[in-house]
Amino acid sequence: MPVLTLSNEQAIELVKQLPAEQQTEVFKVLLRQQWETWESLSQYGEEKVRVVAQERGHNWDTMTEEEREAFIDAIAHEE
């Protein structure tokens, strides 16, 4: 089978020309290819945020969503 070489922009433009159902299928294929990496990264982040919270005297699992957001905001803006 011949190989067609396209730039990223060309590939994206071709996908945009597909009907919505086929675009969804392309998206699903690409998502499945990256899923393991995203899942691993998510688990890593979850473990690290629990450790950092504990180091600062907090329990991530008992914090409300609002408390978690404030905690992350405070960490992100530390100098």
N, C-alpha and C. Protein backbone atom coordinates (compact mmCIF):
# COMPACT_ATOMS: atom_id res chain seq x y z
N MET A 1 0.85 -1.17 0.00
CA MET A 1 0.00 0.00 0.00
C MET A 1 0.89 1.24 0.00
N PRO A 2 0.63 2.19 -0.88
CA PRO A 2 1.45 3.41 -0.93
C PRO A 2 1.24 4.25 0.33
N VAL A 3 2.29 4.99 0.69
CA VAL A 3 2.24 5.85 1.86
C VAL A 3 2.09 7.29 1.39
N LEU A 4 1.14 7.98 1.97
CA LEU A 4 0.90 9.39 1.66
C LEU A 4 1.45 10.22 2.81
N THR A 5 2.33 11.14 2.51
CA THR A 5 2.91 11.99 3.55
C THR A 5 2.21 13.34 3.53
N LEU A 6 1.65 13.70 4.68
CA LEU A 6 0.94 14.98 4.82
C LEU A 6 1.52 15.77 5.97
N SER A 7 1.40 17.07 5.89
CA SER A 7 1.77 17.90 7.04
C SER A 7 0.65 17.79 8.06
N ASN A 8 0.91 18.21 9.27
CA ASN A 8 -0.14 18.22 10.30
C ASN A 8 -1.34 19.03 9.85
N GLU A 9 -1.07 20.18 9.27
CA GLU A 9 -2.16 21.05 8.82
C GLU A 9 -3.01 20.38 7.74
N GLN A 10 -2.37 19.67 6.83
CA GLN A 10 -3.10 18.97 5.77
C GLN A 10 -3.95 17.86 6.35
N ALA A 11 -3.40 17.10 7.29
CA ALA A 11 -4.17 16.02 7.91
C ALA A 11 -5.38 16.57 8.65
N ILE A 12 -5.18 17.65 9.38
CA ILE A 12 -6.29 18.28 10.11
C ILE A 12 -7.36 18.77 9.15
N GLU A 13 -6.96 19.38 8.08
CA GLU A 13 -7.93 19.87 7.09
C GLU A 13 -8.71 18.72 6.46
N LEU A 14 -8.06 17.61 6.22
CA LEU A 14 -8.76 16.44 5.67
C LEU A 14 -9.79 15.91 6.65
N VAL A 15 -9.42 15.83 7.92
CA VAL A 15 -10.35 15.35 8.94
C VAL A 15 -11.54 16.30 9.05
N LYS A 16 -11.29 17.59 8.96
CA LYS A 16 -12.38 18.58 9.04
C LYS A 16 -13.39 18.40 7.90
N GLN A 17 -12.95 17.84 6.81
CA GLN A 17 -13.84 17.65 5.67
C GLN A 17 -14.72 16.41 5.81
N LEU A 18 -14.40 15.55 6.76
CA LEU A 18 -15.19 14.34 6.97
C LEU A 18 -16.54 14.67 7.60
N PRO A 19 -17.54 13.82 7.37
CA PRO A 19 -18.81 13.99 8.07
C PRO A 19 -18.59 13.83 9.59
N ALA A 20 -19.47 14.39 10.38
CA ALA A 20 -19.33 14.40 11.84
C ALA A 20 -19.11 13.01 12.41
N GLU A 21 -19.83 12.01 11.88
CA GLU A 21 -19.69 10.65 12.40
C GLU A 21 -18.28 10.12 12.19
N GLN A 22 -17.70 10.39 11.05
CA GLN A 22 -16.34 9.92 10.77
C GLN A 22 -15.32 10.71 11.58
N GLN A 23 -15.57 11.99 11.80
CA GLN A 23 -14.68 12.78 12.67
C GLN A 23 -14.67 12.18 14.07
N THR A 24 -15.84 11.77 14.55
CA THR A 24 -15.94 11.15 15.87
C THR A 24 -15.13 9.86 15.92
N GLU A 25 -15.18 9.07 14.87
CA GLU A 25 -14.41 7.83 14.83
C GLU A 25 -12.91 8.11 14.86
N VAL A 26 -12.47 9.12 14.10
CA VAL A 26 -11.05 9.50 14.12
C VAL A 26 -10.66 9.92 15.53
N PHE A 27 -11.49 10.71 16.16
CA PHE A 27 -11.23 11.16 17.52
C PHE A 27 -11.10 9.99 18.48
N LYS A 28 -11.99 9.02 18.36
CA LYS A 28 -11.96 7.85 19.24
C LYS A 28 -10.66 7.06 19.07
N VAL A 29 -10.24 6.89 17.84
CA VAL A 29 -9.00 6.15 17.57
C VAL A 29 -7.81 6.88 18.20
N LEU A 30 -7.75 8.19 18.02
CA LEU A 30 -6.65 8.96 18.57
C LEU A 30 -6.68 8.96 20.10
N LEU A 31 -7.87 9.05 20.65
CA LEU A 31 -8.02 9.05 22.10
C LEU A 31 -7.55 7.72 22.69
N ARG A 32 -7.93 6.61 22.06
CA ARG A 32 -7.51 5.29 22.54
C ARG A 32 -5.99 5.14 22.52
N GLN A 33 -5.35 5.74 21.53
CA GLN A 33 -3.89 5.66 21.43
C GLN A 33 -3.22 6.37 22.60
N GLN A 34 -3.83 7.42 23.11
CA GLN A 34 -3.22 8.20 24.18
C GLN A 34 -3.75 7.87 25.56
N TRP A 35 -4.78 7.05 25.65
CA TRP A 35 -5.48 6.83 26.92
C TRP A 35 -4.56 6.33 28.03
N GLU A 36 -3.69 5.36 27.75
CA GLU A 36 -2.82 4.81 28.78
C GLU A 36 -1.90 5.89 29.35
N THR A 37 -1.37 6.74 28.49
CA THR A 37 -0.50 7.83 28.95
C THR A 37 -1.28 8.80 29.83
N TRP A 38 -2.49 9.17 29.41
CA TRP A 38 -3.29 10.10 30.21
C TRP A 38 -3.67 9.48 31.55
N GLU A 39 -4.02 8.21 31.55
CA GLU A 39 -4.40 7.54 32.78
C GLU A 39 -3.22 7.48 33.75
N SER A 40 -2.05 7.17 33.25
CA SER A 40 -0.84 7.11 34.07
C SER A 40 -0.52 8.49 34.65
N LEU A 41 -0.60 9.50 33.83
CA LEU A 41 -0.33 10.87 34.28
C LEU A 41 -1.34 11.31 35.33
N SER A 42 -2.58 10.96 35.14
CA SER A 42 -3.63 11.31 36.10
C SER A 42 -3.39 10.64 37.45
N GLN A 43 -3.03 9.38 37.43
CA GLN A 43 -2.75 8.66 38.68
C GLN A 43 -1.54 9.24 39.39
N TYR A 44 -0.52 9.59 38.63
CA TYR A 44 0.68 10.21 39.18
C TYR A 44 0.32 11.53 39.87
N GLY A 45 -0.45 12.37 39.18
CA GLY A 45 -0.85 13.65 39.73
C GLY A 45 -1.69 13.50 40.99
N GLU A 46 -2.57 12.53 40.98
CA GLU A 46 -3.43 12.28 42.14
C GLU A 46 -2.59 11.87 43.35
N GLU A 47 -1.62 11.01 43.13
CA GLU A 47 -0.73 10.59 44.22
C GLU A 47 0.07 11.76 44.76
N LYS A 48 0.60 12.58 43.87
CA LYS A 48 1.44 13.71 44.28
C LYS A 48 0.64 14.76 45.04
N VAL A 49 -0.58 15.05 44.62
CA VAL A 49 -1.36 16.07 45.30
C VAL A 49 -1.72 15.61 46.71
N ARG A 50 -1.95 14.33 46.89
CA ARG A 50 -2.22 13.80 48.23
C ARG A 50 -1.01 13.97 49.14
N VAL A 51 0.19 13.68 48.60
CA VAL A 51 1.42 13.80 49.38
C VAL A 51 1.65 15.27 49.77
N VAL A 52 1.51 16.17 48.81
CA VAL A 52 1.74 17.59 49.08
C VAL A 52 0.72 18.11 50.10
N ALA A 53 -0.52 17.71 49.95
CA ALA A 53 -1.55 18.13 50.91
C ALA A 53 -1.19 17.63 52.31
N GLN A 54 -0.79 16.37 52.42
CA GLN A 54 -0.44 15.80 53.72
C GLN A 54 0.76 16.53 54.32
N GLU A 55 1.75 16.86 53.50
CA GLU A 55 2.93 17.58 53.98
C GLU A 55 2.56 18.95 54.55
N ARG A 56 1.46 19.49 54.10
CA ARG A 56 1.02 20.82 54.55
C ARG A 56 -0.13 20.74 55.54
N GLY A 57 -0.35 19.54 56.09
CA GLY A 57 -1.33 19.38 57.14
C GLY A 57 -2.77 19.26 56.68
N HIS A 58 -2.97 18.85 55.44
CA HIS A 58 -4.33 18.69 54.89
C HIS A 58 -4.56 17.24 54.49
N ASN A 59 -5.81 16.86 54.44
CA ASN A 59 -6.19 15.54 53.94
C ASN A 59 -6.98 15.75 52.66
N TRP A 60 -6.36 15.45 51.54
CA TRP A 60 -6.97 15.69 50.23
C TRP A 60 -8.33 15.01 50.11
N ASP A 61 -8.44 13.83 50.67
CA ASP A 61 -9.67 13.05 50.52
C ASP A 61 -10.85 13.63 51.29
N THR A 62 -10.58 14.40 52.33
CA THR A 62 -11.68 14.98 53.11
C THR A 62 -11.94 16.44 52.75
N MET A 63 -11.11 17.02 51.89
CA MET A 63 -11.29 18.42 51.49
C MET A 63 -12.48 18.53 50.54
N THR A 64 -13.21 19.64 50.65
CA THR A 64 -14.29 19.92 49.70
C THR A 64 -13.68 20.34 48.37
N GLU A 65 -14.48 20.37 47.34
CA GLU A 65 -14.00 20.81 46.03
C GLU A 65 -13.48 22.25 46.12
N GLU A 66 -14.17 23.07 46.85
CA GLU A 66 -13.75 24.47 47.02
C GLU A 66 -12.40 24.55 47.74
N GLU A 67 -12.21 23.74 48.78
CA GLU A 67 -10.94 23.71 49.50
C GLU A 67 -9.81 23.20 48.60
N ARG A 68 -10.11 22.21 47.79
CA ARG A 68 -9.10 21.69 46.87
C ARG A 68 -8.68 22.76 45.86
N GLU A 69 -9.65 23.46 45.32
CA GLU A 69 -9.34 24.52 44.35
C GLU A 69 -8.49 25.61 45.00
N ALA A 70 -8.84 26.01 46.21
CA ALA A 70 -8.07 27.04 46.92
C ALA A 70 -6.65 26.54 47.21
N PHE A 71 -6.54 25.27 47.59
CA PHE A 71 -5.23 24.68 47.88
C PHE A 71 -4.35 24.69 46.63
N ILE A 72 -4.89 24.22 45.52
CA ILE A 72 -4.14 24.20 44.25
C ILE A 72 -3.77 25.61 43.83
N ASP A 73 -4.69 26.55 43.97
CA ASP A 73 -4.42 27.95 43.62
C ASP A 73 -3.27 28.50 44.46
N ALA A 74 -3.29 28.19 45.76
CA ALA A 74 -2.22 28.67 46.65
C ALA A 74 -0.87 28.07 46.24
N ILE A 75 -0.85 26.80 45.92
CA ILE A 75 0.40 26.14 45.49
C ILE A 75 0.89 26.74 44.18
N ALA A 76 -0.01 26.96 43.26
CA ALA A 76 0.37 27.47 41.93
C ALA A 76 0.94 28.88 42.01
N HIS A 77 0.56 29.64 43.01
CA HIS A 77 1.01 31.03 43.10
C HIS A 77 2.11 31.26 44.13
N GLU A 78 2.68 30.16 44.65
CA GLU A 78 3.81 30.29 45.58
C GLU A 78 5.03 30.79 44.84
N GLU A 79 5.87 31.47 45.56
CA GLU A 79 7.14 31.93 44.96
C GLU A 79 8.30 31.23 45.57
